[in-house]
Amino acid sequence: MASAPLLDRLRPLPSSLTDLVGREREVVAACSLISQQRVRLLTLTGPGGVGKTRLALRVAEVLRTDFAGGVCFVPIAAVRDPDLVLPAVAQAMGLRDEGDRDLADRLDDTIRDRDLLLVLDNLEQVAAAALSIADLLAVHPGLSVVATSRVPLRIRGEHVLPVPPLAIPDPARLPPAAELAQIDAVALFLQRAA
């Protein structure tokens, strides 16, 4: 029995229940790095809760049509062992442990020369897996990675895009309420409170 085509097996991007607020510049910068400057490893860095995952997902949505081989979301937050990152990637790509072939070989065969975007979310606790990611990028010229992490991965070819907290208004000089609601941090707060 033939396996399903890769596009049918990829873990889809999670859908968002709310709009992305205040990250237009970062979306444009990230998309430009990947699509125009051909950056193959982009790491979005910043403190926890700043919106790195939401930003990565938005970038992947915008770039989806640039990757004929598909876009695959790989949640890494629950992984604590760097040796389990590639198995998590394989699982997100629909590969199962068949026992007859090395998983790394099967992953290489699956990716081959496809134009594929991987979104690796929450890599900070397994930053040592960066070398495995670098190896994948080295042998697969059509592969690109958007990673989220609190820290840079510090591998060759990595471009880091810091994701700062949204700016907040100066409490000593608050604008009128109508203008205040247009400030990104306030708009995000109002959206989440609603």
N, C-alpha and C. Protein backbone atom coordinates (compact mmCIF):
# COMPACT_ATOMS: atom_id res chain seq x y z
N MET A 1 0.84 -1.19 0.00
CA MET A 1 0.00 0.00 0.00
C MET A 1 0.88 1.24 0.00
N ALA A 2 0.66 2.16 -0.93
CA ALA A 2 1.46 3.38 -1.03
C ALA A 2 1.10 4.32 0.10
N SER A 3 2.12 5.05 0.58
CA SER A 3 1.85 6.02 1.64
C SER A 3 1.22 7.27 1.04
N ALA A 4 0.54 8.03 1.89
CA ALA A 4 -0.11 9.26 1.44
C ALA A 4 0.95 10.26 1.00
N PRO A 5 0.63 11.13 0.03
CA PRO A 5 1.59 12.16 -0.38
C PRO A 5 1.99 13.01 0.83
N LEU A 6 3.21 13.55 0.76
CA LEU A 6 3.74 14.32 1.89
C LEU A 6 2.81 15.45 2.31
N LEU A 7 2.27 16.19 1.36
CA LEU A 7 1.39 17.31 1.72
C LEU A 7 0.20 16.86 2.56
N ASP A 8 -0.27 15.65 2.34
CA ASP A 8 -1.41 15.14 3.10
C ASP A 8 -1.02 14.67 4.49
N ARG A 9 0.27 14.43 4.70
CA ARG A 9 0.72 13.91 5.99
C ARG A 9 1.25 14.98 6.93
N LEU A 10 1.59 16.16 6.42
CA LEU A 10 2.18 17.20 7.26
C LEU A 10 1.21 17.68 8.33
N ARG A 11 1.74 17.89 9.54
CA ARG A 11 0.91 18.48 10.60
C ARG A 11 0.58 19.90 10.18
N PRO A 12 -0.69 20.22 10.11
CA PRO A 12 -1.08 21.56 9.64
C PRO A 12 -0.76 22.64 10.67
N LEU A 13 -0.74 23.86 10.19
CA LEU A 13 -0.57 24.99 11.11
C LEU A 13 -1.79 25.07 12.01
N PRO A 14 -1.59 25.29 13.31
CA PRO A 14 -2.75 25.46 14.19
C PRO A 14 -3.51 26.73 13.79
N SER A 15 -4.82 26.67 13.87
CA SER A 15 -5.60 27.86 13.54
C SER A 15 -5.71 28.74 14.77
N SER A 16 -5.73 30.02 14.52
CA SER A 16 -5.78 31.00 15.61
C SER A 16 -7.22 31.45 15.84
N LEU A 17 -7.54 31.63 17.09
CA LEU A 17 -8.89 32.08 17.44
C LEU A 17 -8.99 33.60 17.50
N THR A 18 -7.83 34.27 17.48
CA THR A 18 -7.81 35.73 17.55
C THR A 18 -6.84 36.27 16.50
N ASP A 19 -6.96 37.56 16.23
CA ASP A 19 -6.09 38.21 15.26
C ASP A 19 -4.71 38.48 15.87
N LEU A 20 -3.71 38.52 15.02
CA LEU A 20 -2.38 38.94 15.43
C LEU A 20 -2.40 40.46 15.52
N VAL A 21 -1.97 40.98 16.65
CA VAL A 21 -2.02 42.43 16.88
C VAL A 21 -0.61 43.00 16.98
N GLY A 22 -0.36 44.06 16.24
CA GLY A 22 0.85 44.84 16.41
C GLY A 22 2.15 44.23 15.95
N ARG A 23 2.12 43.31 15.03
CA ARG A 23 3.36 42.68 14.58
C ARG A 23 3.55 42.81 13.07
N GLU A 24 2.95 43.81 12.47
CA GLU A 24 3.02 43.97 11.02
C GLU A 24 4.46 44.11 10.55
N ARG A 25 5.27 44.94 11.24
CA ARG A 25 6.66 45.13 10.83
C ARG A 25 7.46 43.84 10.91
N GLU A 26 7.24 43.08 11.99
CA GLU A 26 7.97 41.82 12.16
C GLU A 26 7.57 40.80 11.10
N VAL A 27 6.27 40.75 10.74
CA VAL A 27 5.81 39.84 9.69
C VAL A 27 6.48 40.19 8.37
N VAL A 28 6.49 41.46 8.02
CA VAL A 28 7.11 41.90 6.77
C VAL A 28 8.60 41.58 6.79
N ALA A 29 9.28 41.87 7.90
CA ALA A 29 10.72 41.62 7.98
C ALA A 29 11.03 40.13 7.85
N ALA A 30 10.28 39.29 8.56
CA ALA A 30 10.52 37.84 8.51
C ALA A 30 10.24 37.29 7.12
N CYS A 31 9.14 37.68 6.52
CA CYS A 31 8.81 37.20 5.17
C CYS A 31 9.85 37.65 4.15
N SER A 32 10.33 38.87 4.29
CA SER A 32 11.35 39.39 3.39
C SER A 32 12.65 38.59 3.53
N LEU A 33 13.04 38.30 4.76
CA LEU A 33 14.27 37.53 4.97
C LEU A 33 14.18 36.16 4.28
N ILE A 34 13.04 35.52 4.42
CA ILE A 34 12.91 34.16 3.88
C ILE A 34 12.68 34.17 2.38
N SER A 35 11.75 34.99 1.90
CA SER A 35 11.40 34.91 0.48
C SER A 35 12.31 35.73 -0.43
N GLN A 36 12.79 36.87 0.02
CA GLN A 36 13.60 37.71 -0.85
C GLN A 36 15.09 37.52 -0.63
N GLN A 37 15.50 37.35 0.63
CA GLN A 37 16.92 37.22 0.92
C GLN A 37 17.36 35.76 1.04
N ARG A 38 16.41 34.85 0.88
CA ARG A 38 16.68 33.41 0.88
C ARG A 38 17.33 32.91 2.17
N VAL A 39 16.95 33.51 3.28
CA VAL A 39 17.39 33.01 4.59
C VAL A 39 16.71 31.67 4.81
N ARG A 40 17.48 30.67 5.21
CA ARG A 40 16.91 29.33 5.37
C ARG A 40 16.66 28.98 6.83
N LEU A 41 17.26 29.70 7.76
CA LEU A 41 17.01 29.49 9.18
C LEU A 41 16.79 30.84 9.83
N LEU A 42 15.56 31.08 10.22
CA LEU A 42 15.20 32.32 10.90
C LEU A 42 14.71 31.95 12.29
N THR A 43 15.37 32.50 13.30
CA THR A 43 14.96 32.25 14.68
C THR A 43 14.34 33.51 15.25
N LEU A 44 13.10 33.39 15.67
CA LEU A 44 12.39 34.48 16.33
C LEU A 44 12.68 34.35 17.82
N THR A 45 13.33 35.35 18.40
CA THR A 45 13.72 35.28 19.81
C THR A 45 13.01 36.36 20.62
N GLY A 46 12.84 36.07 21.90
CA GLY A 46 12.24 37.03 22.82
C GLY A 46 11.77 36.33 24.06
N PRO A 47 11.34 37.11 25.04
CA PRO A 47 10.87 36.51 26.29
C PRO A 47 9.60 35.68 26.09
N GLY A 48 9.36 34.78 27.03
CA GLY A 48 8.15 33.97 26.98
C GLY A 48 6.90 34.83 26.98
N GLY A 49 5.92 34.45 26.18
CA GLY A 49 4.65 35.15 26.16
C GLY A 49 4.61 36.39 25.28
N VAL A 50 5.71 36.67 24.57
CA VAL A 50 5.77 37.89 23.77
C VAL A 50 5.05 37.74 22.42
N GLY A 51 4.77 36.50 22.01
CA GLY A 51 4.04 36.29 20.76
C GLY A 51 4.88 35.69 19.65
N LYS A 52 5.96 35.02 19.99
CA LYS A 52 6.83 34.41 18.96
C LYS A 52 6.09 33.35 18.16
N THR A 53 5.32 32.52 18.84
CA THR A 53 4.59 31.46 18.14
C THR A 53 3.56 32.05 17.19
N ARG A 54 2.79 33.01 17.67
CA ARG A 54 1.78 33.65 16.81
C ARG A 54 2.43 34.29 15.59
N LEU A 55 3.57 34.93 15.81
CA LEU A 55 4.29 35.57 14.71
C LEU A 55 4.78 34.51 13.72
N ALA A 56 5.36 33.43 14.21
CA ALA A 56 5.86 32.36 13.33
C ALA A 56 4.72 31.77 12.51
N LEU A 57 3.58 31.57 13.12
CA LEU A 57 2.43 31.01 12.41
C LEU A 57 1.94 31.97 11.33
N ARG A 58 1.94 33.25 11.64
CA ARG A 58 1.49 34.23 10.65
C ARG A 58 2.46 34.26 9.46
N VAL A 59 3.76 34.23 9.75
CA VAL A 59 4.76 34.21 8.70
C VAL A 59 4.56 32.98 7.82
N ALA A 60 4.34 31.83 8.44
CA ALA A 60 4.12 30.59 7.68
C ALA A 60 2.87 30.69 6.82
N GLU A 61 1.82 31.30 7.35
CA GLU A 61 0.59 31.47 6.56
C GLU A 61 0.86 32.33 5.32
N VAL A 62 1.58 33.42 5.52
CA VAL A 62 1.88 34.33 4.41
C VAL A 62 2.74 33.65 3.35
N LEU A 63 3.71 32.83 3.80
CA LEU A 63 4.66 32.21 2.88
C LEU A 63 4.21 30.85 2.33
N ARG A 64 3.07 30.38 2.77
CA ARG A 64 2.60 29.04 2.40
C ARG A 64 2.71 28.75 0.90
N THR A 65 2.33 29.69 0.07
CA THR A 65 2.35 29.44 -1.37
C THR A 65 3.76 29.44 -1.96
N ASP A 66 4.76 29.92 -1.20
CA ASP A 66 6.15 29.90 -1.67
C ASP A 66 6.79 28.53 -1.54
N PHE A 67 6.15 27.63 -0.81
CA PHE A 67 6.73 26.32 -0.53
C PHE A 67 5.84 25.23 -1.11
N ALA A 68 6.20 24.79 -2.32
CA ALA A 68 5.40 23.78 -3.02
C ALA A 68 5.35 22.47 -2.25
N GLY A 69 6.38 22.18 -1.45
CA GLY A 69 6.41 20.95 -0.66
C GLY A 69 5.61 21.03 0.62
N GLY A 70 5.11 22.21 0.96
CA GLY A 70 4.26 22.37 2.12
C GLY A 70 4.91 23.11 3.27
N VAL A 71 4.08 23.32 4.27
CA VAL A 71 4.48 23.97 5.52
C VAL A 71 4.08 23.02 6.65
N CYS A 72 4.99 22.81 7.58
CA CYS A 72 4.75 21.84 8.65
C CYS A 72 5.06 22.47 10.01
N PHE A 73 4.11 22.38 10.91
CA PHE A 73 4.28 22.91 12.27
C PHE A 73 4.75 21.79 13.19
N VAL A 74 5.83 22.06 13.94
CA VAL A 74 6.39 21.07 14.86
C VAL A 74 6.45 21.67 16.26
N PRO A 75 5.52 21.29 17.14
CA PRO A 75 5.57 21.80 18.52
C PRO A 75 6.66 21.07 19.31
N ILE A 76 7.57 21.83 19.90
CA ILE A 76 8.71 21.25 20.60
C ILE A 76 8.62 21.50 22.11
N ALA A 77 7.65 22.27 22.58
CA ALA A 77 7.60 22.67 23.99
C ALA A 77 7.66 21.49 24.95
N ALA A 78 7.07 20.37 24.62
CA ALA A 78 7.04 19.22 25.54
C ALA A 78 8.29 18.35 25.43
N VAL A 79 9.14 18.61 24.46
CA VAL A 79 10.35 17.82 24.27
C VAL A 79 11.45 18.35 25.18
N ARG A 80 12.06 17.47 25.94
CA ARG A 80 13.14 17.88 26.86
C ARG A 80 14.49 17.30 26.48
N ASP A 81 14.52 16.32 25.61
CA ASP A 81 15.75 15.67 25.19
C ASP A 81 16.07 16.11 23.77
N PRO A 82 17.24 16.75 23.54
CA PRO A 82 17.58 17.20 22.18
C PRO A 82 17.56 16.07 21.15
N ASP A 83 17.80 14.84 21.58
CA ASP A 83 17.78 13.70 20.65
C ASP A 83 16.38 13.37 20.17
N LEU A 84 15.36 13.96 20.79
CA LEU A 84 13.98 13.67 20.39
C LEU A 84 13.39 14.74 19.46
N VAL A 85 14.20 15.75 19.11
CA VAL A 85 13.69 16.79 18.22
C VAL A 85 13.46 16.25 16.81
N LEU A 86 14.43 15.54 16.25
CA LEU A 86 14.21 14.99 14.90
C LEU A 86 13.07 13.98 14.86
N PRO A 87 12.91 13.11 15.87
CA PRO A 87 11.71 12.27 15.88
C PRO A 87 10.42 13.09 15.93
N ALA A 88 10.43 14.22 16.62
CA ALA A 88 9.24 15.09 16.64
C ALA A 88 8.98 15.66 15.26
N VAL A 89 10.05 16.02 14.55
CA VAL A 89 9.90 16.51 13.18
C VAL A 89 9.33 15.40 12.30
N ALA A 90 9.88 14.21 12.43
CA ALA A 90 9.40 13.08 11.63
C ALA A 90 7.93 12.80 11.90
N GLN A 91 7.54 12.84 13.17
CA GLN A 91 6.14 12.59 13.52
C GLN A 91 5.23 13.66 12.90
N ALA A 92 5.66 14.92 12.96
CA ALA A 92 4.87 16.01 12.38
C ALA A 92 4.76 15.88 10.87
N MET A 93 5.72 15.18 10.27
CA MET A 93 5.69 14.96 8.82
C MET A 93 4.96 13.67 8.47
N GLY A 94 4.38 13.03 9.45
CA GLY A 94 3.57 11.84 9.19
C GLY A 94 4.36 10.55 9.12
N LEU A 95 5.63 10.58 9.51
CA LEU A 95 6.44 9.36 9.51
C LEU A 95 6.21 8.59 10.80
N ARG A 96 6.10 7.32 10.69
CA ARG A 96 5.92 6.45 11.86
C ARG A 96 7.13 5.55 11.99
N ASP A 97 7.40 5.10 13.20
CA ASP A 97 8.51 4.18 13.44
C ASP A 97 8.16 2.83 12.84
N GLU A 98 8.92 2.45 11.82
CA GLU A 98 8.68 1.17 11.17
C GLU A 98 9.72 0.14 11.55
N GLY A 99 10.76 0.58 12.28
CA GLY A 99 11.75 -0.34 12.79
C GLY A 99 12.74 -0.88 11.78
N ASP A 100 12.40 -0.84 10.48
CA ASP A 100 13.28 -1.43 9.48
C ASP A 100 14.37 -0.48 8.99
N ARG A 101 14.15 0.82 9.07
CA ARG A 101 15.12 1.81 8.59
C ARG A 101 15.33 2.88 9.64
N ASP A 102 16.53 3.41 9.66
CA ASP A 102 16.87 4.50 10.56
C ASP A 102 15.94 5.69 10.30
N LEU A 103 15.43 6.29 11.37
CA LEU A 103 14.50 7.40 11.24
C LEU A 103 15.14 8.58 10.51
N ALA A 104 16.40 8.86 10.79
CA ALA A 104 17.07 9.98 10.11
C ALA A 104 17.12 9.75 8.60
N ASP A 105 17.38 8.51 8.19
CA ASP A 105 17.40 8.19 6.75
C ASP A 105 16.01 8.38 6.13
N ARG A 106 15.00 7.92 6.84
CA ARG A 106 13.63 8.06 6.33
C ARG A 106 13.23 9.53 6.25
N LEU A 107 13.66 10.32 7.23
CA LEU A 107 13.37 11.76 7.22
C LEU A 107 14.07 12.41 6.03
N ASP A 108 15.34 12.05 5.81
CA ASP A 108 16.06 12.59 4.65
C ASP A 108 15.35 12.23 3.35
N ASP A 109 14.91 10.98 3.22
CA ASP A 109 14.21 10.54 2.01
C ASP A 109 12.90 11.30 1.81
N THR A 110 12.23 11.60 2.91
CA THR A 110 10.95 12.31 2.84
C THR A 110 11.14 13.76 2.42
N ILE A 111 12.14 14.41 3.00
CA ILE A 111 12.37 15.82 2.66
C ILE A 111 12.99 15.95 1.27
N ARG A 112 13.98 15.12 0.98
CA ARG A 112 14.72 15.13 -0.29
C ARG A 112 14.97 16.55 -0.77
N ASP A 113 14.51 16.86 -1.98
CA ASP A 113 14.75 18.19 -2.54
C ASP A 113 13.46 19.01 -2.59
N ARG A 114 12.55 18.71 -1.68
CA ARG A 114 11.29 19.46 -1.65
C ARG A 114 11.50 20.89 -1.12
N ASP A 115 10.70 21.81 -1.61
CA ASP A 115 10.64 23.15 -1.03
C ASP A 115 9.68 23.06 0.13
N LEU A 116 10.23 23.04 1.33
CA LEU A 116 9.46 22.77 2.54
C LEU A 116 9.81 23.78 3.62
N LEU A 117 8.81 24.27 4.32
CA LEU A 117 9.02 25.17 5.46
C LEU A 117 8.62 24.46 6.73
N LEU A 118 9.56 24.35 7.66
CA LEU A 118 9.28 23.79 8.98
C LEU A 118 9.18 24.94 9.98
N VAL A 119 8.15 24.92 10.80
CA VAL A 119 8.03 25.86 11.91
C VAL A 119 8.30 25.05 13.17
N LEU A 120 9.46 25.30 13.78
CA LEU A 120 9.87 24.60 14.99
C LEU A 120 9.61 25.52 16.17
N ASP A 121 8.63 25.17 16.97
CA ASP A 121 8.15 26.07 18.02
C ASP A 121 8.67 25.68 19.41
N ASN A 122 9.29 26.62 20.08
CA ASN A 122 9.79 26.49 21.46
C ASN A 122 11.03 25.60 21.55
N LEU A 123 12.11 26.05 20.98
CA LEU A 123 13.34 25.27 20.97
C LEU A 123 14.29 25.56 22.13
N GLU A 124 13.98 26.55 22.97
CA GLU A 124 14.98 26.97 23.96
C GLU A 124 15.43 25.86 24.90
N GLN A 125 14.56 24.95 25.27
CA GLN A 125 14.93 23.90 26.23
C GLN A 125 15.70 22.76 25.58
N VAL A 126 15.77 22.75 24.27
CA VAL A 126 16.54 21.73 23.55
C VAL A 126 17.45 22.39 22.51
N ALA A 127 18.07 23.49 22.90
CA ALA A 127 18.93 24.23 21.98
C ALA A 127 20.08 23.38 21.45
N ALA A 128 20.46 22.35 22.19
CA ALA A 128 21.53 21.46 21.72
C ALA A 128 21.13 20.72 20.44
N ALA A 129 19.85 20.69 20.12
CA ALA A 129 19.39 20.04 18.89
C ALA A 129 19.69 20.90 17.66
N ALA A 130 20.23 22.08 17.87
CA ALA A 130 20.53 22.98 16.75
C ALA A 130 21.46 22.33 15.73
N LEU A 131 22.37 21.51 16.20
CA LEU A 131 23.29 20.85 15.26
C LEU A 131 22.54 19.89 14.34
N SER A 132 21.55 19.20 14.86
CA SER A 132 20.73 18.31 14.02
C SER A 132 19.95 19.11 12.99
N ILE A 133 19.45 20.27 13.40
CA ILE A 133 18.72 21.14 12.48
C ILE A 133 19.67 21.66 11.39
N ALA A 134 20.88 22.04 11.80
CA ALA A 134 21.89 22.50 10.84
C ALA A 134 22.22 21.40 9.84
N ASP A 135 22.31 20.16 10.31
CA ASP A 135 22.59 19.03 9.41
C ASP A 135 21.47 18.86 8.39
N LEU A 136 20.21 18.96 8.84
CA LEU A 136 19.09 18.86 7.91
C LEU A 136 19.16 19.95 6.84
N LEU A 137 19.42 21.17 7.28
CA LEU A 137 19.51 22.28 6.33
C LEU A 137 20.66 22.10 5.35
N ALA A 138 21.76 21.53 5.82
CA ALA A 138 22.95 21.35 4.97
C ALA A 138 22.70 20.37 3.83
N VAL A 139 21.90 19.35 4.07
CA VAL A 139 21.70 18.33 3.03
C VAL A 139 20.40 18.52 2.23
N HIS A 140 19.58 19.47 2.63
CA HIS A 140 18.31 19.69 1.93
C HIS A 140 18.19 21.16 1.52
N PRO A 141 18.63 21.50 0.32
CA PRO A 141 18.64 22.90 -0.10
C PRO A 141 17.26 23.53 -0.24
N GLY A 142 16.22 22.74 -0.34
CA GLY A 142 14.87 23.29 -0.44
C GLY A 142 14.19 23.50 0.90
N LEU A 143 14.86 23.11 1.98
CA LEU A 143 14.29 23.21 3.33
C LEU A 143 14.58 24.57 3.93
N SER A 144 13.57 25.18 4.54
CA SER A 144 13.73 26.40 5.32
C SER A 144 13.09 26.16 6.67
N VAL A 145 13.59 26.86 7.69
CA VAL A 145 13.10 26.69 9.05
C VAL A 145 12.83 28.05 9.67
N VAL A 146 11.65 28.19 10.27
CA VAL A 146 11.36 29.31 11.17
C VAL A 146 11.26 28.68 12.54
N ALA A 147 12.17 29.10 13.43
CA ALA A 147 12.20 28.57 14.78
C ALA A 147 11.81 29.66 15.77
N THR A 148 11.19 29.26 16.87
CA THR A 148 10.96 30.19 17.97
C THR A 148 11.75 29.70 19.16
N SER A 149 12.37 30.64 19.85
CA SER A 149 13.20 30.30 20.99
C SER A 149 13.45 31.55 21.81
N ARG A 150 13.65 31.37 23.10
CA ARG A 150 14.01 32.51 23.94
C ARG A 150 15.45 32.92 23.71
N VAL A 151 16.24 32.02 23.13
CA VAL A 151 17.67 32.29 22.87
C VAL A 151 17.99 31.90 21.43
N PRO A 152 18.99 32.57 20.83
CA PRO A 152 19.42 32.16 19.49
C PRO A 152 19.98 30.74 19.52
N LEU A 153 19.91 30.05 18.38
CA LEU A 153 20.44 28.69 18.28
C LEU A 153 21.95 28.68 18.07
N ARG A 154 22.49 29.78 17.57
CA ARG A 154 23.94 29.96 17.39
C ARG A 154 24.56 28.92 16.45
N ILE A 155 23.94 28.78 15.30
CA ILE A 155 24.52 27.90 14.28
C ILE A 155 24.70 28.68 12.98
N ARG A 156 25.58 28.18 12.15
CA ARG A 156 25.89 28.86 10.89
C ARG A 156 24.63 29.03 10.05
N GLY A 157 24.53 30.21 9.48
CA GLY A 157 23.40 30.51 8.60
C GLY A 157 22.17 31.02 9.32
N GLU A 158 22.19 31.04 10.63
CA GLU A 158 21.02 31.50 11.39
C GLU A 158 20.90 33.02 11.30
N HIS A 159 19.70 33.47 11.07
CA HIS A 159 19.36 34.88 11.18
C HIS A 159 18.41 35.00 12.37
N VAL A 160 18.68 35.95 13.23
CA VAL A 160 17.87 36.13 14.43
C VAL A 160 17.02 37.39 14.25
N LEU A 161 15.73 37.25 14.53
CA LEU A 161 14.82 38.39 14.51
C LEU A 161 14.26 38.53 15.93
N PRO A 162 14.75 39.53 16.68
CA PRO A 162 14.22 39.73 18.04
C PRO A 162 12.75 40.16 17.99
N VAL A 163 11.97 39.60 18.89
CA VAL A 163 10.55 39.94 19.00
C VAL A 163 10.37 40.62 20.36
N PRO A 164 10.35 41.95 20.35
CA PRO A 164 10.24 42.67 21.62
C PRO A 164 8.79 42.70 22.11
N PRO A 165 8.61 42.98 23.39
CA PRO A 165 7.23 43.19 23.87
C PRO A 165 6.60 44.37 23.14
N LEU A 166 5.30 44.37 23.04
CA LEU A 166 4.61 45.51 22.44
C LEU A 166 4.81 46.73 23.32
N ALA A 167 4.99 47.87 22.68
CA ALA A 167 5.18 49.12 23.43
C ALA A 167 3.91 49.48 24.18
N ILE A 168 4.10 50.01 25.37
CA ILE A 168 2.95 50.45 26.17
C ILE A 168 2.97 51.97 26.26
N PRO A 169 1.82 52.58 26.48
CA PRO A 169 1.78 54.04 26.56
C PRO A 169 2.42 54.53 27.86
N ASP A 170 2.91 55.75 27.81
CA ASP A 170 3.48 56.39 29.00
C ASP A 170 2.33 56.74 29.95
N PRO A 171 2.30 56.16 31.15
CA PRO A 171 1.19 56.42 32.07
C PRO A 171 1.10 57.89 32.49
N ALA A 172 2.20 58.62 32.38
CA ALA A 172 2.18 60.03 32.76
C ALA A 172 1.55 60.90 31.69
N ARG A 173 1.48 60.39 30.45
CA ARG A 173 0.91 61.17 29.34
C ARG A 173 -0.01 60.32 28.50
N LEU A 174 -1.08 59.85 29.09
CA LEU A 174 -2.01 59.00 28.37
C LEU A 174 -2.85 59.81 27.38
N PRO A 175 -3.01 59.30 26.17
CA PRO A 175 -3.86 59.97 25.19
C PRO A 175 -5.33 59.74 25.55
N PRO A 176 -6.24 60.40 24.83
CA PRO A 176 -7.67 60.15 25.03
C PRO A 176 -7.99 58.67 24.80
N ALA A 177 -9.08 58.21 25.38
CA ALA A 177 -9.44 56.79 25.35
C ALA A 177 -9.51 56.23 23.93
N ALA A 178 -10.07 56.99 22.99
CA ALA A 178 -10.19 56.50 21.62
C ALA A 178 -8.80 56.25 21.01
N GLU A 179 -7.85 57.14 21.28
CA GLU A 179 -6.49 56.96 20.78
C GLU A 179 -5.77 55.85 21.54
N LEU A 180 -6.05 55.75 22.82
CA LEU A 180 -5.42 54.74 23.66
C LEU A 180 -5.73 53.34 23.14
N ALA A 181 -6.95 53.13 22.70
CA ALA A 181 -7.37 51.82 22.20
C ALA A 181 -6.67 51.45 20.89
N GLN A 182 -6.03 52.42 20.23
CA GLN A 182 -5.31 52.15 18.98
C GLN A 182 -3.86 51.73 19.21
N ILE A 183 -3.38 51.86 20.43
CA ILE A 183 -2.02 51.45 20.75
C ILE A 183 -2.00 49.93 20.83
N ASP A 184 -1.02 49.30 20.16
CA ASP A 184 -1.02 47.85 20.00
C ASP A 184 -1.15 47.08 21.32
N ALA A 185 -0.41 47.44 22.33
CA ALA A 185 -0.46 46.71 23.59
C ALA A 185 -1.85 46.83 24.23
N VAL A 186 -2.44 48.00 24.12
CA VAL A 186 -3.79 48.21 24.68
C VAL A 186 -4.81 47.45 23.84
N ALA A 187 -4.67 47.51 22.51
CA ALA A 187 -5.60 46.79 21.63
C ALA A 187 -5.55 45.30 21.91
N LEU A 188 -4.33 44.75 22.13
CA LEU A 188 -4.20 43.34 22.46
C LEU A 188 -4.87 43.02 23.79
N PHE A 189 -4.66 43.86 24.79
CA PHE A 189 -5.29 43.67 26.09
C PHE A 189 -6.81 43.68 25.95
N LEU A 190 -7.34 44.64 25.21
CA LEU A 190 -8.80 44.73 25.03
C LEU A 190 -9.34 43.50 24.30
N GLN A 191 -8.59 43.02 23.28
CA GLN A 191 -9.00 41.84 22.53
C GLN A 191 -9.06 40.63 23.46
N ARG A 192 -8.03 40.44 24.27
CA ARG A 192 -8.00 39.27 25.16
C ARG A 192 -9.00 39.40 26.29
N ALA A 193 -9.25 40.59 26.77
CA ALA A 193 -10.22 40.80 27.84
C ALA A 193 -11.64 40.52 27.34
N ALA A 194 -11.89 40.83 26.07
CA ALA A 194 -13.22 40.61 25.51
C ALA A 194 -13.47 39.14 25.35
